[in-house]
Every structure is written in C-alpha cells, then in structure tokens.
Amino acid sequence: MMDMMIVDTGCANLASVRFAFERLGVSAKISADPDALQQADRLVLPGVGTAQAGMAALIARGLDDMLLSYQRPLLGICLGMQLLYTRSREGDTNCLGRLEGEVEPLPDSDGPVPHMGWNTLSLVADDPLLAGLEQNSYVYFVHSYAARPDENALAITRYGMAFSAVVRRDNVYGCQFHPERSGKAGARILQNFLEISL
C-alpha cells in the first residue's frame, strides 16, 4: 500500500488535490508534520497565493528542511512548483532551490494577468510523468508568475512568454498548472506520478 501524502502548506486548496487522488483509487493523507512527510512514498506540494506567504508558511512549520532533503518522488503544483526554484521575483523571495532558476512575472502581451484558464502543453522531452499524454493537451492554469524553460523542462506553454509548464530534476517534479482541475490530461499526469518507480 502506497503512502501518499500532501504537504499542508496552509495556503492551498488541499481538498481538491486529495479528491483527485481519491478518484484514482488512492487515499492521500494531508499533513504538516515534517517527520511523517519525510517517510512518505510520494509527496505533493500544492500552493496558491504569493511566494512570500508560501515560503513563510513552510519555514514556520519546519517544512523547508524536510523538502530540501526529501529523496522520493516530489511533485510541486502551481505555487508549490515555483517554491521549488532558487528564487522568485514575487517579493524577491528566496525559495527552496531544488530547481535552479528564477520565477518571474508573466508579461501581459498575450492577455490579462493572471493567466487563468485552459492552455496547451508543448511536450519537449520524454518522461514517465508524461506517458500517454498527447501533444497540445489542454490543462488548467491560474498564475501570474512562471519560470522560463531550461534543461529541466518537460513541457512548455506560452502566455506572454514561453514558460516551463512541467519540469523534472532527479526526483523533483513540477506542474505550473493544476492537474487536479485539468480533466483527463491532469488525471493521467497524477496517475503517472503514482506509478513512477522509487
């Protein structure tokens, strides 16, 4: 039985993430206990709101050190993905640094910011997280900041600029969109995350 856990950051819609895994037949526990989370087979780091508030919540709960040392599959969602980077220009916030690079504001050249709604994934690398996903699959975004594509990008989306929509570095994964709100494509990504070998 897989021990799947969701990090309780205090700034995320935890219920919708948990329900998404329940639809896949997996019971995911929500916890802010660093010791319990460290023992999990899989971790999801969700987040909504600002980078400053997100990092402050992680530090206040003693979760930053645990997330830095965690060596099993870890998936950051939306703000959770951004907090995995070295730094965010949102409030000049130092983040976890599991992914190198800086999160920056989206320009408003392609429409209003925040970027809210459905957009397509341009798949640029093969990875088990994207198994069975079709090119240009639609997923659901709500964000004002993003990281530019680099060698860790698995999928890219464009809105004002090209940005990393799915990333991976070693055991650390990130989705800038909300897979729990992205229909069949999002469910497939979450299922793939559950099946990644430890």
C-alpha atoms as a PDB file:
ATOM      1  CA  MET A   1       0.000   0.000   0.000  1.00  0.00           C
ATOM      2  CA  MET A   2       1.497   3.289  -1.111  1.00  0.00           C
ATOM      3  CA  ASP A   3       1.909   6.022   1.484  1.00  0.00           C
ATOM      4  CA  MET A   4       0.891   9.106  -0.493  1.00  0.00           C
ATOM      5  CA  MET A   5       0.951  12.449   1.353  1.00  0.00           C
ATOM      6  CA  ILE A   6       0.061  16.071   0.614  1.00  0.00           C
ATOM      7  CA  VAL A   7       2.054  18.820   2.307  1.00  0.00           C
ATOM      8  CA  ASP A   8      -0.236  21.069   4.346  1.00  0.00           C
ATOM      9  CA  THR A   9       1.223  24.473   3.494  1.00  0.00           C
ATOM     10  CA  GLY A  10      -1.732  26.352   4.921  1.00  0.00           C
ATOM     11  CA  CYS A  11      -2.065  28.162   1.578  1.00  0.00           C
ATOM     12  CA  ALA A  12      -3.595  25.700  -0.869  1.00  0.00           C
ATOM     13  CA  ASN A  13      -6.843  24.010  -1.802  1.00  0.00           C
ATOM     14  CA  LEU A  14      -5.810  20.707  -0.263  1.00  0.00           C
ATOM     15  CA  ALA A  15      -9.207  19.053  -0.584  1.00  0.00           C
ATOM     16  CA  SER A  16      -9.301  19.257  -4.388  1.00  0.00           C
ATOM     17  CA  VAL A  17      -5.854  17.648  -4.632  1.00  0.00           C
ATOM     18  CA  ARG A  18      -6.842  14.877  -2.224  1.00  0.00           C
ATOM     19  CA  PHE A  19     -10.105  14.256  -4.132  1.00  0.00           C
ATOM     20  CA  ALA A  20      -8.155  13.994  -7.402  1.00  0.00           C
ATOM     21  CA  PHE A  21      -6.097  11.142  -5.941  1.00  0.00           C
ATOM     22  CA  GLU A  22      -9.203   9.530  -4.442  1.00  0.00           C
ATOM     23  CA  ARG A  23     -10.711   9.444  -7.945  1.00  0.00           C
ATOM     24  CA  LEU A  24      -7.643   7.389  -8.897  1.00  0.00           C
ATOM     25  CA  GLY A  25      -8.248   4.999  -6.006  1.00  0.00           C
ATOM     26  CA  VAL A  26      -5.502   6.341  -3.724  1.00  0.00           C
ATOM     27  CA  SER A  27      -6.069   7.709  -0.243  1.00  0.00           C
ATOM     28  CA  ALA A  28      -3.739  10.680   0.238  1.00  0.00           C
ATOM     29  CA  LYS A  29      -3.107  11.980   3.740  1.00  0.00           C
ATOM     30  CA  ILE A  30      -2.691  15.699   4.434  1.00  0.00           C
ATOM     31  CA  SER A  31      -0.007  16.580   6.975  1.00  0.00           C
ATOM     32  CA  ALA A  32       2.211  19.394   8.226  1.00  0.00           C
ATOM     33  CA  ASP A  33       4.365  17.027  10.304  1.00  0.00           C
ATOM     34  CA  PRO A  34       7.895  17.019   8.805  1.00  0.00           C
ATOM     35  CA  ASP A  35       8.728  13.612  10.280  1.00  0.00           C
ATOM     36  CA  ALA A  36       5.601  11.952   8.893  1.00  0.00           C
ATOM     37  CA  LEU A  37       6.047  13.593   5.493  1.00  0.00           C
ATOM     38  CA  GLN A  38       9.685  12.501   5.296  1.00  0.00           C
ATOM     39  CA  GLN A  39       8.531   8.857   5.495  1.00  0.00           C
ATOM     40  CA  ALA A  40       6.001   9.116   2.644  1.00  0.00           C
ATOM     41  CA  ASP A  41       6.479   7.197  -0.619  1.00  0.00           C
ATOM     42  CA  ARG A  42       5.275  10.226  -2.602  1.00  0.00           C
ATOM     43  CA  LEU A  43       4.820  13.878  -1.697  1.00  0.00           C
ATOM     44  CA  VAL A  44       2.723  16.572  -3.352  1.00  0.00           C
ATOM     45  CA  LEU A  45       3.490  20.217  -2.564  1.00  0.00           C
ATOM     46  CA  PRO A  46       0.461  22.316  -3.570  1.00  0.00           C
ATOM     47  CA  GLY A  47       0.193  26.062  -3.178  1.00  0.00           C
ATOM     48  CA  VAL A  48      -1.827  29.140  -4.032  1.00  0.00           C
ATOM     49  CA  GLY A  49      -1.127  32.770  -3.212  1.00  0.00           C
ATOM     50  CA  THR A  50       2.200  34.574  -3.027  1.00  0.00           C
ATOM     51  CA  ALA A  51       5.728  33.215  -2.899  1.00  0.00           C
ATOM     52  CA  GLN A  52       6.449  35.177   0.307  1.00  0.00           C
ATOM     53  CA  ALA A  53       3.432  33.721   2.103  1.00  0.00           C
ATOM     54  CA  GLY A  54       4.166  30.231   0.809  1.00  0.00           C
ATOM     55  CA  MET A  55       7.792  30.218   1.940  1.00  0.00           C
ATOM     56  CA  ALA A  56       6.889  31.813   5.269  1.00  0.00           C
ATOM     57  CA  ALA A  57       4.360  29.021   5.878  1.00  0.00           C
ATOM     58  CA  LEU A  58       6.901  26.312   5.030  1.00  0.00           C
ATOM     59  CA  ILE A  59       9.549  27.816   7.301  1.00  0.00           C
ATOM     60  CA  ALA A  60       7.108  28.395  10.173  1.00  0.00           C
ATOM     61  CA  ARG A  61       6.069  24.719  10.036  1.00  0.00           C
ATOM     62  CA  GLY A  62       9.637  23.428   9.722  1.00  0.00           C
ATOM     63  CA  LEU A  63       8.866  22.007   6.293  1.00  0.00           C
ATOM     64  CA  ASP A  64      11.630  23.748   4.327  1.00  0.00           C
ATOM     65  CA  ASP A  65      14.440  21.491   5.582  1.00  0.00           C
ATOM     66  CA  MET A  66      12.327  18.370   5.065  1.00  0.00           C
ATOM     67  CA  LEU A  67      11.566  19.359   1.457  1.00  0.00           C
ATOM     68  CA  LEU A  68      15.250  20.022   0.809  1.00  0.00           C
ATOM     69  CA  SER A  69      16.262  16.541   1.967  1.00  0.00           C
ATOM     70  CA  TYR A  70      13.332  14.500   0.599  1.00  0.00           C
ATOM     71  CA  GLN A  71      14.623  11.900  -1.906  1.00  0.00           C
ATOM     72  CA  ARG A  72      11.463  10.135  -3.158  1.00  0.00           C
ATOM     73  CA  PRO A  73       9.169  11.493  -5.907  1.00  0.00           C
ATOM     74  CA  LEU A  74       8.045  15.044  -5.062  1.00  0.00           C
ATOM     75  CA  LEU A  75       5.513  16.960  -7.166  1.00  0.00           C
ATOM     76  CA  GLY A  76       5.048  20.716  -6.821  1.00  0.00           C
ATOM     77  CA  ILE A  77       1.769  22.147  -8.120  1.00  0.00           C
ATOM     78  CA  CYS A  78       1.282  25.800  -9.164  1.00  0.00           C
ATOM     79  CA  LEU A  79       2.874  27.919  -6.392  1.00  0.00           C
ATOM     80  CA  GLY A  80       4.274  24.668  -4.996  1.00  0.00           C
ATOM     81  CA  MET A  81       6.298  24.262  -8.200  1.00  0.00           C
ATOM     82  CA  GLN A  82       7.506  27.872  -8.022  1.00  0.00           C
ATOM     83  CA  LEU A  83       8.700  27.385  -4.442  1.00  0.00           C
ATOM     84  CA  LEU A  84      10.999  24.598  -5.662  1.00  0.00           C
ATOM     85  CA  TYR A  85      13.097  27.150  -7.584  1.00  0.00           C
ATOM     86  CA  THR A  86      16.031  29.123  -6.214  1.00  0.00           C
ATOM     87  CA  ARG A  87      14.222  32.436  -6.115  1.00  0.00           C
ATOM     88  CA  SER A  88      11.005  34.213  -7.031  1.00  0.00           C
ATOM     89  CA  ARG A  89      10.849  37.831  -8.130  1.00  0.00           C
ATOM     90  CA  GLU A  90       7.486  37.976  -6.383  1.00  0.00           C
ATOM     91  CA  GLY A  91       8.591  39.935  -3.332  1.00  0.00           C
ATOM     92  CA  ASP A  92      12.246  38.993  -4.034  1.00  0.00           C
ATOM     93  CA  THR A  93      11.701  35.713  -2.196  1.00  0.00           C
ATOM     94  CA  ASN A  94      14.395  33.107  -1.636  1.00  0.00           C
ATOM     95  CA  CYS A  95      12.839  29.698  -2.245  1.00  0.00           C
ATOM     96  CA  LEU A  96      13.872  26.066  -1.745  1.00  0.00           C
ATOM     97  CA  GLY A  97      16.418  25.737  -4.546  1.00  0.00           C
ATOM     98  CA  ARG A  98      15.600  22.158  -5.577  1.00  0.00           C
ATOM     99  CA  LEU A  99      15.330  23.570  -9.112  1.00  0.00           C
ATOM    100  CA  GLU A 100      17.865  26.134 -10.295  1.00  0.00           C
ATOM    101  CA  GLY A 101      16.496  29.366 -11.681  1.00  0.00           C
ATOM    102  CA  GLU A 102      14.231  32.292 -11.016  1.00  0.00           C
ATOM    103  CA  VAL A 103      10.465  32.659 -11.199  1.00  0.00           C
ATOM    104  CA  GLU A 104       9.450  35.900 -12.896  1.00  0.00           C
ATOM    105  CA  PRO A 105       6.251  37.825 -13.640  1.00  0.00           C
ATOM    106  CA  LEU A 106       4.284  36.984 -16.773  1.00  0.00           C
ATOM    107  CA  PRO A 107       4.078  39.891 -19.247  1.00  0.00           C
ATOM    108  CA  ASP A 108       0.580  40.933 -20.278  1.00  0.00           C
ATOM    109  CA  SER A 109       1.326  40.882 -24.033  1.00  0.00           C
ATOM    110  CA  ASP A 110      -0.925  37.870 -24.734  1.00  0.00           C
ATOM    111  CA  GLY A 111      -3.794  38.871 -22.458  1.00  0.00           C
ATOM    112  CA  PRO A 112      -4.591  39.752 -18.869  1.00  0.00           C
ATOM    113  CA  VAL A 113      -2.509  38.558 -15.960  1.00  0.00           C
ATOM    114  CA  PRO A 114      -3.110  36.317 -14.068  1.00  0.00           C
ATOM    115  CA  HIS A 115      -3.084  33.712 -16.803  1.00  0.00           C
ATOM    116  CA  MET A 116      -6.332  31.951 -15.949  1.00  0.00           C
ATOM    117  CA  GLY A 117      -7.967  29.154 -17.874  1.00  0.00           C
ATOM    118  CA  TRP A 118      -7.137  26.385 -20.322  1.00  0.00           C
ATOM    119  CA  ASN A 119      -3.950  26.336 -22.375  1.00  0.00           C
ATOM    120  CA  THR A 120      -1.915  23.708 -24.214  1.00  0.00           C
ATOM    121  CA  LEU A 121       1.195  21.741 -23.307  1.00  0.00           C
ATOM    122  CA  SER A 122       4.001  21.536 -25.848  1.00  0.00           C
ATOM    123  CA  LEU A 123       5.812  18.338 -24.879  1.00  0.00           C
ATOM    124  CA  VAL A 124       9.581  18.759 -25.310  1.00  0.00           C
ATOM    125  CA  ALA A 125      11.039  15.720 -23.507  1.00  0.00           C
ATOM    126  CA  ASP A 126      10.139  12.107 -22.840  1.00  0.00           C
ATOM    127  CA  ASP A 127       9.487  11.297 -19.211  1.00  0.00           C
ATOM    128  CA  PRO A 128       7.373   8.740 -17.319  1.00  0.00           C
ATOM    129  CA  LEU A 129       5.341  11.638 -15.867  1.00  0.00           C
ATOM    130  CA  LEU A 130       4.026  12.423 -19.364  1.00  0.00           C
ATOM    131  CA  ALA A 131       3.441   8.838 -20.531  1.00  0.00           C
ATOM    132  CA  GLY A 132       0.310   8.564 -22.667  1.00  0.00           C
ATOM    133  CA  LEU A 133      -0.197  12.337 -22.831  1.00  0.00           C
ATOM    134  CA  GLU A 134      -0.989  13.780 -26.250  1.00  0.00           C
ATOM    135  CA  GLN A 135       0.854  16.734 -27.727  1.00  0.00           C
ATOM    136  CA  ASN A 136      -1.074  20.001 -27.162  1.00  0.00           C
ATOM    137  CA  SER A 137      -3.207  18.546 -24.359  1.00  0.00           C
ATOM    138  CA  TYR A 138      -5.208  21.222 -22.567  1.00  0.00           C
ATOM    139  CA  VAL A 139      -4.631  21.874 -18.863  1.00  0.00           C
ATOM    140  CA  TYR A 140      -5.926  24.498 -16.434  1.00  0.00           C
ATOM    141  CA  PHE A 141      -3.749  27.394 -15.253  1.00  0.00           C
ATOM    142  CA  VAL A 142      -4.138  30.131 -12.635  1.00  0.00           C
ATOM    143  CA  HIS A 143      -0.884  32.068 -12.129  1.00  0.00           C
ATOM    144  CA  SER A 144       0.894  35.398 -12.552  1.00  0.00           C
ATOM    145  CA  TYR A 145       4.495  34.149 -12.312  1.00  0.00           C
ATOM    146  CA  ALA A 146       6.449  31.410 -14.078  1.00  0.00           C
ATOM    147  CA  ALA A 147       9.936  30.115 -14.815  1.00  0.00           C
ATOM    148  CA  ARG A 148      11.436  30.271 -18.286  1.00  0.00           C
ATOM    149  CA  PRO A 149      12.184  26.926 -19.959  1.00  0.00           C
ATOM    150  CA  ASP A 150      15.558  25.331 -19.238  1.00  0.00           C
ATOM    151  CA  GLU A 151      17.112  21.860 -19.371  1.00  0.00           C
ATOM    152  CA  ASN A 152      14.614  20.627 -16.762  1.00  0.00           C
ATOM    153  CA  ALA A 153      11.543  21.473 -18.870  1.00  0.00           C
ATOM    154  CA  LEU A 154       9.404  18.524 -19.953  1.00  0.00           C
ATOM    155  CA  ALA A 155       6.553  20.644 -21.366  1.00  0.00           C
ATOM    156  CA  ILE A 156       6.296  24.307 -22.310  1.00  0.00           C
ATOM    157  CA  THR A 157       3.311  26.657 -22.524  1.00  0.00           C
ATOM    158  CA  ARG A 158       3.206  30.168 -23.974  1.00  0.00           C
ATOM    159  CA  TYR A 159       1.334  33.098 -22.462  1.00  0.00           C
ATOM    160  CA  GLY A 160       3.124  36.421 -22.744  1.00  0.00           C
ATOM    161  CA  MET A 161       6.321  34.365 -22.813  1.00  0.00           C
ATOM    162  CA  ALA A 162       7.332  30.740 -23.120  1.00  0.00           C
ATOM    163  CA  PHE A 163       7.476  29.160 -19.663  1.00  0.00           C
ATOM    164  CA  SER A 164       8.047  25.755 -18.103  1.00  0.00           C
ATOM    165  CA  ALA A 165       4.695  24.047 -17.599  1.00  0.00           C
ATOM    166  CA  VAL A 166       6.117  20.683 -16.479  1.00  0.00           C
ATOM    167  CA  VAL A 167       9.622  20.189 -15.097  1.00  0.00           C
ATOM    168  CA  ARG A 168      11.764  17.437 -13.652  1.00  0.00           C
ATOM    169  CA  ARG A 169      15.130  17.342 -11.930  1.00  0.00           C
ATOM    170  CA  ASP A 170      16.017  13.948 -10.456  1.00  0.00           C
ATOM    171  CA  ASN A 171      13.171  13.063  -8.037  1.00  0.00           C
ATOM    172  CA  VAL A 172      11.652  16.574  -8.137  1.00  0.00           C
ATOM    173  CA  TYR A 173       8.742  17.276 -10.490  1.00  0.00           C
ATOM    174  CA  GLY A 174       6.614  20.358 -11.026  1.00  0.00           C
ATOM    175  CA  CYS A 175       3.380  21.327 -12.795  1.00  0.00           C
ATOM    176  CA  GLN A 176       2.709  25.052 -13.186  1.00  0.00           C
ATOM    177  CA  PHE A 177      -0.942  24.234 -13.890  1.00  0.00           C
ATOM    178  CA  HIS A 178      -3.460  22.459 -11.657  1.00  0.00           C
ATOM    179  CA  PRO A 179      -3.563  18.776 -12.673  1.00  0.00           C
ATOM    180  CA  GLU A 180      -6.372  18.200 -10.167  1.00  0.00           C
ATOM    181  CA  ARG A 181      -8.525  20.609 -12.248  1.00  0.00           C
ATOM    182  CA  SER A 182      -7.290  19.548 -15.698  1.00  0.00           C
ATOM    183  CA  GLY A 183      -9.652  16.743 -16.664  1.00  0.00           C
ATOM    184  CA  LYS A 184      -8.296  13.603 -18.318  1.00  0.00           C
ATOM    185  CA  ALA A 185      -4.841  15.074 -19.013  1.00  0.00           C
ATOM    186  CA  GLY A 186      -4.371  16.097 -15.389  1.00  0.00           C
ATOM    187  CA  ALA A 187      -5.631  12.752 -14.117  1.00  0.00           C
ATOM    188  CA  ARG A 188      -3.173  10.965 -16.398  1.00  0.00           C
ATOM    189  CA  ILE A 189      -0.274  13.017 -15.017  1.00  0.00           C
ATOM    190  CA  LEU A 190      -1.274  12.256 -11.425  1.00  0.00           C
ATOM    191  CA  GLN A 191      -1.652   8.553 -12.258  1.00  0.00           C
ATOM    192  CA  ASN A 192       1.792   8.586 -13.864  1.00  0.00           C
ATOM    193  CA  PHE A 193       3.220  10.251 -10.756  1.00  0.00           C
ATOM    194  CA  LEU A 194       1.804   7.414  -8.643  1.00  0.00           C
ATOM    195  CA  GLU A 195       3.454   4.846 -10.923  1.00  0.00           C
ATOM    196  CA  ILE A 196       6.949   6.367 -11.085  1.00  0.00           C
ATOM    197  CA  SER A 197       9.407   3.819  -9.743  1.00  0.00           C
ATOM    198  CA  LEU A 198      11.076   4.692  -6.440  1.00  0.00           C
END
